[in-house]
Amino acid sequence: MKDFATSIVQRLRQKDFQAFLVGGCVRDLLLGRAPKDYDVATGASPAQVMEIFPETYAVGAQFGVVLVPAPVTLAARDVASNVSTNGLVVEVATFRSDLGYSDGRHPDEVRFSTDPREDVARRDFTINGMLLDPVSGEVLDFVGGRKDLEAGIIRAIGDPARRFQEDKLRMLRAVRFAARFGYSIEPATFAAIRNLAEEIEVVSRERVRDELTRMLIEGHGRRAFLLLEESGLLAQVLPEISAMKGVAQPPQFHPEGDVFTHTLLLLENLPQPCPSTLAWGALLHDVGKPPTFRVAPDRIRFDGHVEVGVKMAEETCRRLRFPGDDTEQILALVQHHMRFGQATRMNQSTLKRFLRMPLFEEHMALHRADCLASHGQLSEYEFVQQKLTDIPPEKMHPSPLVTGDDLIAAGYAPGPRFREILTTIEDAQLEGRLSSRQGALDFVRLQFPR
């Protein structure tokens, strides 16, 4: 994809326009990382870009942004090699300056420019404000980005308060970049975040959700959430997680400390790559503990924390506007995370139903991370893992011995009782007590007389 982005730069230059690679791809190339996508900045206007590249998508032409799709052959090659290319397009943006941000997200007015210095001055952080000539390798750095990259510093370009007033989401992005790269946030930049943290509420919930998801799945969730807490952002975007801080746990089960400490340690033990539903299920698995905390005569207890947690997680997912399927899986992870402790005592039907839950590998990963972040014992995890290996698929998901049609043919009237009968038959089948259709029908006549 870099070759395609370079070809765009070269073609623009052939038409006598300045053009450079810009932003995160330059940062990543300087760090020796493979960029997820490539952006080009140019002195050509959107109309001129679209004239030069007829096959374009003017998704943000009013802001100077045009998408140039990769050729089919290149797109197919990148898909085959699993290269992420931001939808197999390169974003080409006209140099510009932005005037006013009334809504805290979009500029009130855009003034196109032919000066790359003006364009860089309106960007977010110095490490994202460098330009690269992909032909010569020359880096144009008007904001000290290379120095900050070498020093490991996230610094807003120009006045931090102004940059964050322009787009409040940049406060979360600063935290994410600091966590991802292991960098510090420059003091004035961090102070501006603390002062403006309450204003994050003007950002759409979907954008907040997506930014938090990136923090959770990039492998540096603990660092990100410590920074969110320190900056004051956590109490604004996820008050239910902030409430975990200082909530003690019984030391015999949780020697690591309070619920907040445990949750952040758990995030460190998630697999990589990490599904977003697993990451959110992990973050929210103990969300019901703060409101159920009590000190009993024997030890600290959290009676009903799972049930309370499911309701709270549902509200969180609704507030952040998660898709329905994602919400369902996140709630399942919260609801079932304590069941592993019962696995060795489950009868065969209950155990098999547990093991065949959708996306059970996420339940396994959450339980393992939960154990490693607390007492460190993996005996229940290993027991379940062994059962998954030992039980063949046909025993885990056996074909039904009896159907509703069979019950009707046997003289049973359709109704709510059918579910009870069919579930009871399947339980007996999973337990190994029934193995034939005739045996199942005889069992029904005996257990459920008409």
Protein backbone atom coordinates (compact mmCIF):
# COMPACT_ATOMS: atom_id res chain seq x y z
CA MET A 1 0.00 0.00 0.00
CA LYS A 2 2.95 2.32 0.55
CA ASP A 3 3.79 2.00 -3.14
CA PHE A 4 0.26 3.07 -4.07
CA ALA A 5 0.39 6.06 -1.70
CA THR A 6 3.78 6.98 -3.18
CA SER A 7 2.33 6.80 -6.68
CA ILE A 8 -0.39 9.28 -5.65
CA VAL A 9 2.27 11.67 -4.35
CA GLN A 10 4.25 11.34 -7.58
CA ARG A 11 1.22 11.91 -9.79
CA LEU A 12 0.23 15.04 -7.87
CA ARG A 13 3.76 16.34 -8.21
CA GLN A 14 3.69 15.66 -11.95
CA LYS A 15 0.78 18.13 -12.01
CA ASP A 16 2.96 20.67 -10.15
CA PHE A 17 1.29 20.25 -6.74
CA GLN A 18 3.13 19.73 -3.49
CA ALA A 19 2.34 16.35 -1.95
CA PHE A 20 3.65 14.33 1.01
CA LEU A 21 2.79 11.40 3.20
CA VAL A 22 1.46 12.79 6.47
CA GLY A 23 0.30 11.86 9.96
CA GLY A 24 0.30 8.47 11.59
CA CYS A 25 1.88 6.63 8.68
CA VAL A 26 4.95 8.90 8.88
CA ARG A 27 5.15 8.35 12.64
CA ASP A 28 4.91 4.59 12.23
CA LEU A 29 7.46 4.44 9.40
CA LEU A 30 9.94 6.40 11.53
CA LEU A 31 9.32 3.94 14.39
CA GLY A 32 9.90 0.98 12.07
CA ARG A 33 6.25 -0.10 12.32
CA ALA A 34 3.95 -1.11 9.49
CA PRO A 35 1.33 1.65 9.10
CA LYS A 36 -2.31 0.57 9.22
CA ASP A 37 -3.15 3.11 6.54
CA TYR A 38 -1.60 5.91 4.51
CA ASP A 39 -2.62 9.57 4.24
CA VAL A 40 -1.43 12.15 1.73
CA ALA A 41 -1.44 15.93 2.18
CA THR A 42 -1.30 18.15 -0.88
CA GLY A 43 -1.59 21.69 -2.16
CA ALA A 44 -4.15 20.53 -4.75
CA SER A 45 -7.76 21.46 -4.06
CA PRO A 46 -10.36 18.68 -3.68
CA ALA A 47 -11.70 19.46 -7.17
CA GLN A 48 -8.19 19.20 -8.62
CA VAL A 49 -7.55 15.91 -6.79
CA MET A 50 -10.79 14.49 -8.18
CA GLU A 51 -9.85 15.63 -11.67
CA ILE A 52 -6.47 13.91 -11.43
CA PHE A 53 -7.99 10.75 -9.86
CA PRO A 54 -11.45 10.25 -11.40
CA GLU A 55 -12.16 7.12 -9.35
CA THR A 56 -12.46 8.90 -6.01
CA TYR A 57 -14.86 9.27 -3.10
CA ALA A 58 -15.39 12.86 -1.98
CA VAL A 59 -16.51 11.88 1.51
CA GLY A 60 -15.24 15.08 3.08
CA ALA A 61 -14.62 17.44 0.22
CA GLN A 62 -15.91 20.39 2.23
CA PHE A 63 -13.04 19.71 4.63
CA GLY A 64 -10.61 18.99 1.83
CA VAL A 65 -10.68 15.20 2.10
CA VAL A 66 -10.91 12.85 -0.87
CA LEU A 67 -10.51 9.05 -0.80
CA VAL A 68 -8.55 7.44 -3.61
CA PRO A 69 -9.20 3.68 -3.87
CA ALA A 70 -6.40 1.24 -4.56
CA PRO A 71 -6.42 -0.63 -7.88
CA VAL A 72 -8.24 -3.94 -7.75
CA THR A 73 -5.05 -5.95 -8.20
CA LEU A 74 -3.32 -4.15 -5.32
CA ALA A 75 -6.40 -4.44 -3.09
CA ALA A 76 -6.60 -8.17 -3.74
CA ARG A 77 -2.92 -8.59 -2.92
CA ASP A 78 -3.22 -6.69 0.36
CA VAL A 79 -6.32 -8.62 1.42
CA ALA A 80 -4.52 -11.89 0.69
CA SER A 81 -1.58 -10.81 2.85
CA ASN A 82 -3.86 -9.49 5.62
CA VAL A 83 -2.51 -5.95 5.30
CA SER A 84 -4.79 -3.36 6.88
CA THR A 85 -5.27 -0.46 4.49
CA ASN A 86 -8.19 1.45 5.97
CA GLY A 87 -10.67 0.00 3.49
CA LEU A 88 -8.02 -0.19 0.72
CA VAL A 89 -8.05 3.55 0.09
CA VAL A 90 -5.64 6.42 0.60
CA GLU A 91 -6.99 9.62 2.13
CA VAL A 92 -5.83 12.68 0.21
CA ALA A 93 -6.34 15.93 2.12
CA THR A 94 -5.77 19.47 0.89
CA PHE A 95 -3.51 21.70 2.99
CA ARG A 96 -5.81 23.85 5.09
CA SER A 97 -6.34 25.95 8.17
CA ASP A 98 -9.44 25.57 10.33
CA LEU A 99 -11.42 28.51 11.67
CA GLY A 100 -13.53 27.89 14.78
CA TYR A 101 -14.95 24.67 16.22
CA SER A 102 -18.37 25.50 17.66
CA ASP A 103 -19.41 21.86 18.10
CA GLY A 104 -16.09 20.66 19.51
CA ARG A 105 -15.55 18.40 16.54
CA HIS A 106 -15.95 20.00 13.08
CA PRO A 107 -14.37 23.28 11.93
CA ASP A 108 -16.88 26.07 11.33
CA GLU A 109 -14.91 27.17 8.29
CA VAL A 110 -12.08 25.61 6.29
CA ARG A 111 -9.60 27.73 4.39
CA PHE A 112 -7.59 25.79 1.82
CA SER A 113 -3.90 26.58 1.56
CA THR A 114 -0.81 25.81 -0.45
CA ASP A 115 1.43 26.04 2.61
CA PRO A 116 2.14 22.74 4.41
CA ARG A 117 3.11 24.68 7.56
CA GLU A 118 -0.45 25.95 7.90
CA ASP A 119 -1.79 22.44 7.50
CA VAL A 120 0.50 20.95 10.13
CA ALA A 121 -0.32 23.72 12.63
CA ARG A 122 -3.96 22.60 12.88
CA ARG A 123 -3.16 18.91 13.54
CA ASP A 124 -3.33 17.23 16.95
CA PHE A 125 0.09 16.04 18.25
CA THR A 126 3.63 16.70 17.19
CA ILE A 127 4.36 13.01 16.53
CA ASN A 128 1.44 13.03 14.07
CA GLY A 129 2.42 16.34 12.46
CA MET A 130 5.36 15.32 10.31
CA LEU A 131 5.44 15.16 6.51
CA LEU A 132 7.47 12.63 4.54
CA ASP A 133 8.72 12.74 0.97
CA PRO A 134 8.33 9.03 0.10
CA VAL A 135 10.71 9.35 -2.84
CA SER A 136 13.69 11.04 -1.20
CA GLY A 137 12.93 9.99 2.37
CA GLU A 138 13.18 13.60 3.57
CA VAL A 139 11.09 14.42 6.64
CA LEU A 140 9.55 17.87 6.95
CA ASP A 141 9.13 18.58 10.64
CA PHE A 142 7.81 22.03 11.51
CA VAL A 143 6.60 21.14 15.04
CA GLY A 144 9.40 19.14 16.67
CA GLY A 145 7.67 15.82 16.14
CA ARG A 146 10.84 13.84 15.50
CA LYS A 147 12.40 15.06 18.72
CA ASP A 148 9.28 14.13 20.68
CA LEU A 149 9.17 10.77 18.96
CA GLU A 150 12.73 10.06 20.06
CA ALA A 151 12.05 11.32 23.59
CA GLY A 152 8.76 9.40 23.92
CA ILE A 153 6.49 12.42 24.47
CA ILE A 154 2.89 13.11 23.45
CA ARG A 155 2.69 16.88 22.98
CA ALA A 156 -0.14 18.92 21.48
CA ILE A 157 0.79 21.13 18.55
CA GLY A 158 0.65 24.76 19.62
CA ASP A 159 -1.72 25.64 22.47
CA PRO A 160 -2.99 22.36 24.04
CA ALA A 161 -6.25 23.89 25.28
CA ARG A 162 -7.02 25.19 21.80
CA ARG A 163 -6.26 21.82 20.19
CA PHE A 164 -8.61 20.05 22.61
CA GLN A 165 -11.31 22.69 22.30
CA GLU A 166 -11.26 22.09 18.56
CA ASP A 167 -11.90 18.37 18.96
CA LYS A 168 -12.54 17.01 22.46
CA LEU A 169 -11.89 13.45 21.32
CA ARG A 170 -8.22 14.39 21.06
CA MET A 171 -8.03 14.08 24.86
CA LEU A 172 -8.80 10.37 24.60
CA ARG A 173 -6.46 10.02 21.64
CA ALA A 174 -3.61 11.50 23.70
CA VAL A 175 -4.18 8.83 26.32
CA ARG A 176 -4.36 6.07 23.71
CA PHE A 177 -1.15 7.11 21.98
CA ALA A 178 0.67 7.43 25.31
CA ALA A 179 -0.46 3.93 26.29
CA ARG A 180 0.21 2.34 22.91
CA PHE A 181 3.76 3.65 22.61
CA GLY A 182 4.64 3.75 26.31
CA TYR A 183 5.16 7.52 26.11
CA SER A 184 4.55 10.26 28.66
CA ILE A 185 2.13 13.10 28.07
CA GLU A 186 3.87 16.49 28.12
CA PRO A 187 2.88 18.41 31.32
CA ALA A 188 1.07 21.33 29.64
CA THR A 189 -0.80 18.91 27.39
CA PHE A 190 -1.80 16.76 30.36
CA ALA A 191 -2.84 19.81 32.38
CA ALA A 192 -5.13 20.90 29.54
CA ILE A 193 -6.73 17.44 29.51
CA ARG A 194 -7.38 17.63 33.24
CA ASN A 195 -8.90 21.10 32.91
CA LEU A 196 -11.17 20.12 30.02
CA ALA A 197 -12.02 16.52 31.00
CA GLU A 198 -15.66 17.33 31.78
CA GLU A 199 -16.15 18.61 28.24
CA ILE A 200 -15.62 15.12 26.78
CA GLU A 201 -19.39 14.72 27.17
CA VAL A 202 -19.96 16.72 23.98
CA VAL A 203 -18.33 13.98 21.92
CA SER A 204 -20.69 11.44 20.40
CA ARG A 205 -20.96 8.24 22.39
CA GLU A 206 -20.02 6.17 19.38
CA ARG A 207 -16.72 8.02 18.96
CA VAL A 208 -15.96 7.66 22.68
CA ARG A 209 -16.81 3.95 22.53
CA ASP A 210 -14.56 3.37 19.54
CA GLU A 211 -11.63 5.20 21.13
CA LEU A 212 -12.01 3.24 24.38
CA THR A 213 -12.23 0.01 22.40
CA ARG A 214 -8.93 0.77 20.72
CA MET A 215 -7.34 1.32 24.12
CA LEU A 216 -8.67 -2.03 25.30
CA ILE A 217 -7.67 -4.16 22.34
CA GLU A 218 -4.25 -2.71 21.53
CA GLY A 219 -2.60 -4.56 24.43
CA HIS A 220 -1.94 -1.61 26.73
CA GLY A 221 -5.27 -1.30 28.50
CA ARG A 222 -3.86 -1.09 32.01
CA ARG A 223 -1.64 1.86 31.17
CA ALA A 224 -4.47 3.56 29.26
CA PHE A 225 -6.96 3.27 32.12
CA LEU A 226 -4.45 4.48 34.70
CA LEU A 227 -3.99 7.58 32.54
CA LEU A 228 -7.75 7.95 32.11
CA GLU A 229 -8.16 7.89 35.89
CA GLU A 230 -5.28 10.29 36.52
CA SER A 231 -6.53 12.75 33.91
CA GLY A 232 -10.11 12.80 35.20
CA LEU A 233 -11.48 11.39 31.94
CA LEU A 234 -12.45 8.01 33.39
CA ALA A 235 -15.02 9.48 35.78
CA GLN A 236 -16.60 11.22 32.78
CA VAL A 237 -16.72 8.41 30.23
CA LEU A 238 -16.96 5.32 32.48
CA PRO A 239 -17.97 6.33 36.01
CA GLU A 240 -18.82 2.70 36.80
CA ILE A 241 -15.17 1.77 36.29
CA SER A 242 -13.90 4.76 38.25
CA ALA A 243 -16.13 3.60 41.14
CA MET A 244 -14.04 0.42 41.43
CA LYS A 245 -11.10 2.37 42.81
CA GLY A 246 -10.65 1.78 46.55
CA VAL A 247 -13.22 -1.04 46.76
CA ALA A 248 -11.38 -3.66 48.81
CA GLN A 249 -11.54 -7.40 48.12
CA PRO A 250 -10.92 -10.44 50.34
CA PRO A 251 -7.13 -10.87 50.35
CA GLN A 252 -7.33 -14.67 50.41
CA PHE A 253 -8.83 -14.56 46.92
CA HIS A 254 -7.49 -11.23 45.69
CA PRO A 255 -4.02 -10.53 47.08
CA GLU A 256 -3.48 -8.01 44.26
CA GLY A 257 -5.71 -5.37 45.89
CA ASP A 258 -8.93 -3.51 45.15
CA VAL A 259 -11.40 -4.11 42.31
CA PHE A 260 -9.84 -1.41 40.12
CA THR A 261 -6.35 -2.88 40.50
CA HIS A 262 -7.66 -6.36 39.73
CA THR A 263 -9.53 -5.23 36.63
CA LEU A 264 -6.53 -3.42 35.18
CA LEU A 265 -4.26 -6.39 35.86
CA LEU A 266 -6.78 -8.59 34.10
CA LEU A 267 -6.55 -6.38 31.00
CA GLU A 268 -2.81 -7.13 30.87
CA ASN A 269 -3.54 -10.85 30.60
CA LEU A 270 -5.94 -10.70 27.67
CA PRO A 271 -4.83 -12.51 24.49
CA GLN A 272 -3.55 -10.61 21.48
CA PRO A 273 -5.22 -10.01 19.13
CA CYS A 274 -8.17 -9.46 21.44
CA PRO A 275 -11.81 -9.42 20.29
CA SER A 276 -13.52 -6.21 21.32
CA THR A 277 -16.35 -8.09 23.07
CA LEU A 278 -13.85 -10.00 25.19
CA ALA A 279 -12.05 -6.76 26.10
CA TRP A 280 -15.26 -5.07 27.19
CA GLY A 281 -16.47 -8.19 29.01
CA ALA A 282 -13.19 -8.20 30.90
CA LEU A 283 -13.47 -4.52 31.77
CA LEU A 284 -17.04 -4.92 33.02
CA HIS A 285 -16.91 -8.41 34.56
CA ASP A 286 -16.77 -7.08 38.15
CA VAL A 287 -18.68 -3.84 37.58
CA GLY A 288 -21.32 -5.04 40.07
CA LYS A 289 -18.89 -5.26 42.96
CA PRO A 290 -18.83 -1.62 44.18
CA PRO A 291 -22.61 -1.42 44.77
CA THR A 292 -22.72 -4.88 46.42
CA PHE A 293 -19.69 -4.47 48.68
CA ARG A 294 -20.23 -5.44 52.34
CA VAL A 295 -18.04 -6.58 55.19
CA ALA A 296 -19.45 -9.84 56.63
CA PRO A 297 -18.27 -11.46 59.88
CA ASP A 298 -16.09 -13.90 57.95
CA ARG A 299 -14.82 -11.77 55.05
CA ILE A 300 -15.63 -9.10 52.46
CA ARG A 301 -18.52 -10.20 50.28
CA PHE A 302 -20.20 -9.08 47.06
CA ASP A 303 -23.57 -10.81 47.23
CA GLY A 304 -25.35 -10.79 43.89
CA HIS A 305 -22.59 -8.89 42.15
CA VAL A 306 -23.01 -10.90 38.95
CA GLU A 307 -26.72 -10.14 38.61
CA VAL A 308 -26.15 -6.48 39.45
CA GLY A 309 -23.17 -6.40 37.10
CA VAL A 310 -25.19 -7.70 34.17
CA LYS A 311 -27.72 -4.89 34.60
CA MET A 312 -24.97 -2.29 34.91
CA ALA A 313 -23.10 -3.66 31.90
CA GLU A 314 -26.30 -3.54 29.89
CA GLU A 315 -26.74 0.12 30.77
CA THR A 316 -23.11 0.83 29.83
CA CYS A 317 -23.53 -0.88 26.46
CA ARG A 318 -26.75 1.01 25.83
CA ARG A 319 -25.17 4.33 26.79
CA LEU A 320 -22.23 3.73 24.46
CA ARG A 321 -24.53 2.44 21.73
CA PHE A 322 -23.00 -0.97 21.17
CA PRO A 323 -24.53 -3.11 18.43
CA GLY A 324 -26.99 -5.70 19.71
CA ASP A 325 -24.82 -8.75 18.99
CA ASP A 326 -21.85 -7.20 20.78
CA THR A 327 -24.00 -6.30 23.78
CA GLU A 328 -25.33 -9.85 23.98
CA GLN A 329 -21.83 -11.32 24.09
CA ILE A 330 -20.50 -8.76 26.59
CA LEU A 331 -23.41 -9.47 28.93
CA ALA A 332 -22.89 -13.23 28.55
CA LEU A 333 -19.25 -12.82 29.60
CA VAL A 334 -20.27 -10.85 32.69
CA GLN A 335 -23.09 -13.25 33.54
CA HIS A 336 -21.09 -16.47 33.30
CA HIS A 337 -17.62 -15.48 34.51
CA MET A 338 -18.15 -17.05 37.94
CA ARG A 339 -19.48 -20.38 36.64
CA PHE A 340 -16.03 -21.87 36.09
CA GLY A 341 -15.82 -22.32 39.86
CA GLN A 342 -18.75 -24.74 39.63
CA ALA A 343 -17.49 -26.69 36.61
CA THR A 344 -16.06 -29.65 38.52
CA ARG A 345 -19.42 -30.12 40.29
CA MET A 346 -21.68 -29.76 37.24
CA ASN A 347 -23.57 -32.80 35.98
CA GLN A 348 -22.84 -33.77 32.37
CA SER A 349 -25.82 -32.01 30.81
CA THR A 350 -25.11 -28.73 32.60
CA LEU A 351 -21.40 -28.92 31.79
CA LYS A 352 -21.97 -29.63 28.10
CA ARG A 353 -24.47 -26.79 27.81
CA PHE A 354 -21.91 -24.52 29.47
CA LEU A 355 -19.11 -25.61 27.15
CA ARG A 356 -21.15 -25.10 24.00
CA MET A 357 -22.12 -21.50 24.66
CA PRO A 358 -21.47 -19.21 21.67
CA LEU A 359 -17.92 -17.87 21.50
CA PHE A 360 -16.92 -20.02 24.47
CA GLU A 361 -13.27 -19.33 23.70
CA GLU A 362 -13.87 -15.79 24.96
CA HIS A 363 -15.28 -17.12 28.22
CA MET A 364 -12.17 -19.28 28.56
CA ALA A 365 -9.84 -16.35 27.89
CA LEU A 366 -11.67 -14.16 30.41
CA HIS A 367 -11.54 -16.83 33.11
CA ARG A 368 -7.82 -17.42 32.54
CA ALA A 369 -7.03 -13.71 32.71
CA ASP A 370 -9.26 -13.37 35.80
CA CYS A 371 -7.31 -16.09 37.60
CA LEU A 372 -3.91 -14.73 36.61
CA ALA A 373 -4.92 -11.28 37.88
CA SER A 374 -5.89 -12.65 41.30
CA HIS A 375 -4.95 -15.93 42.99
CA GLY A 376 -3.09 -17.37 40.00
CA GLN A 377 -4.68 -20.83 40.21
CA LEU A 378 -5.67 -22.33 36.84
CA SER A 379 -7.02 -25.72 37.97
CA GLU A 380 -10.60 -24.94 36.91
CA TYR A 381 -9.41 -23.55 33.60
CA GLU A 382 -7.37 -26.69 32.97
CA PHE A 383 -10.33 -28.91 33.93
CA VAL A 384 -12.61 -27.20 31.42
CA GLN A 385 -9.90 -27.19 28.76
CA GLN A 386 -9.49 -30.95 29.22
CA LYS A 387 -13.23 -31.51 28.92
CA LEU A 388 -13.30 -29.53 25.68
CA THR A 389 -10.60 -31.87 24.38
CA ASP A 390 -12.14 -35.09 25.69
CA ILE A 391 -15.79 -34.64 24.73
CA PRO A 392 -16.31 -35.33 21.00
CA PRO A 393 -18.50 -32.94 19.00
CA GLU A 394 -21.28 -35.51 18.55
CA LYS A 395 -21.53 -35.84 22.33
CA MET A 396 -21.43 -32.09 22.87
CA HIS A 397 -24.04 -31.36 20.17
CA PRO A 398 -25.97 -34.61 19.68
CA SER A 399 -28.73 -34.82 17.09
CA PRO A 400 -32.18 -34.57 18.73
CA LEU A 401 -33.74 -37.94 19.49
CA VAL A 402 -37.24 -36.52 19.47
CA THR A 403 -38.76 -33.45 17.78
CA GLY A 404 -41.95 -31.49 18.28
CA ASP A 405 -43.48 -33.35 15.33
CA ASP A 406 -42.72 -36.65 17.10
CA LEU A 407 -44.53 -35.41 20.20
CA ILE A 408 -47.57 -34.40 18.14
CA ALA A 409 -47.58 -37.80 16.43
CA ALA A 410 -47.50 -39.39 19.88
CA GLY A 411 -50.64 -37.50 20.84
CA TYR A 412 -49.23 -34.51 22.74
CA ALA A 413 -50.86 -31.12 22.19
CA PRO A 414 -48.47 -28.32 21.16
CA GLY A 415 -47.82 -25.72 23.82
CA PRO A 416 -45.36 -24.40 26.40
CA ARG A 417 -44.95 -27.93 27.79
CA PHE A 418 -43.09 -28.94 24.62
CA ARG A 419 -40.02 -26.93 25.63
CA GLU A 420 -39.89 -28.63 29.04
CA ILE A 421 -40.26 -32.09 27.46
CA LEU A 422 -37.64 -31.54 24.76
CA THR A 423 -35.18 -29.98 27.23
CA THR A 424 -35.62 -32.91 29.63
CA ILE A 425 -34.99 -35.36 26.81
CA GLU A 426 -31.85 -33.52 25.73
CA ASP A 427 -30.59 -33.43 29.33
CA ALA A 428 -31.00 -37.20 29.57
CA GLN A 429 -29.27 -37.58 26.20
CA LEU A 430 -26.36 -35.38 27.31
CA GLU A 431 -26.11 -37.42 30.52
CA GLY A 432 -25.90 -40.61 28.47
CA ARG A 433 -29.16 -42.01 29.82
CA LEU A 434 -30.93 -41.93 26.44
CA SER A 435 -29.47 -42.92 23.09
CA SER A 436 -32.37 -43.96 20.83
CA ARG A 437 -35.55 -42.41 19.49
CA GLN A 438 -37.74 -45.21 20.82
CA GLY A 439 -36.10 -45.03 24.22
CA ALA A 440 -36.75 -41.28 24.28
CA LEU A 441 -40.42 -41.72 23.37
CA ASP A 442 -40.84 -44.36 26.08
CA PHE A 443 -39.17 -41.95 28.51
CA VAL A 444 -41.61 -39.18 27.56
CA ARG A 445 -44.66 -41.42 28.08
CA LEU A 446 -43.34 -42.35 31.50
CA GLN A 447 -42.24 -38.92 32.69
CA PHE A 448 -44.89 -36.80 30.96
CA PRO A 449 -48.16 -38.73 30.83
CA ARG A 450 -50.84 -37.18 28.63
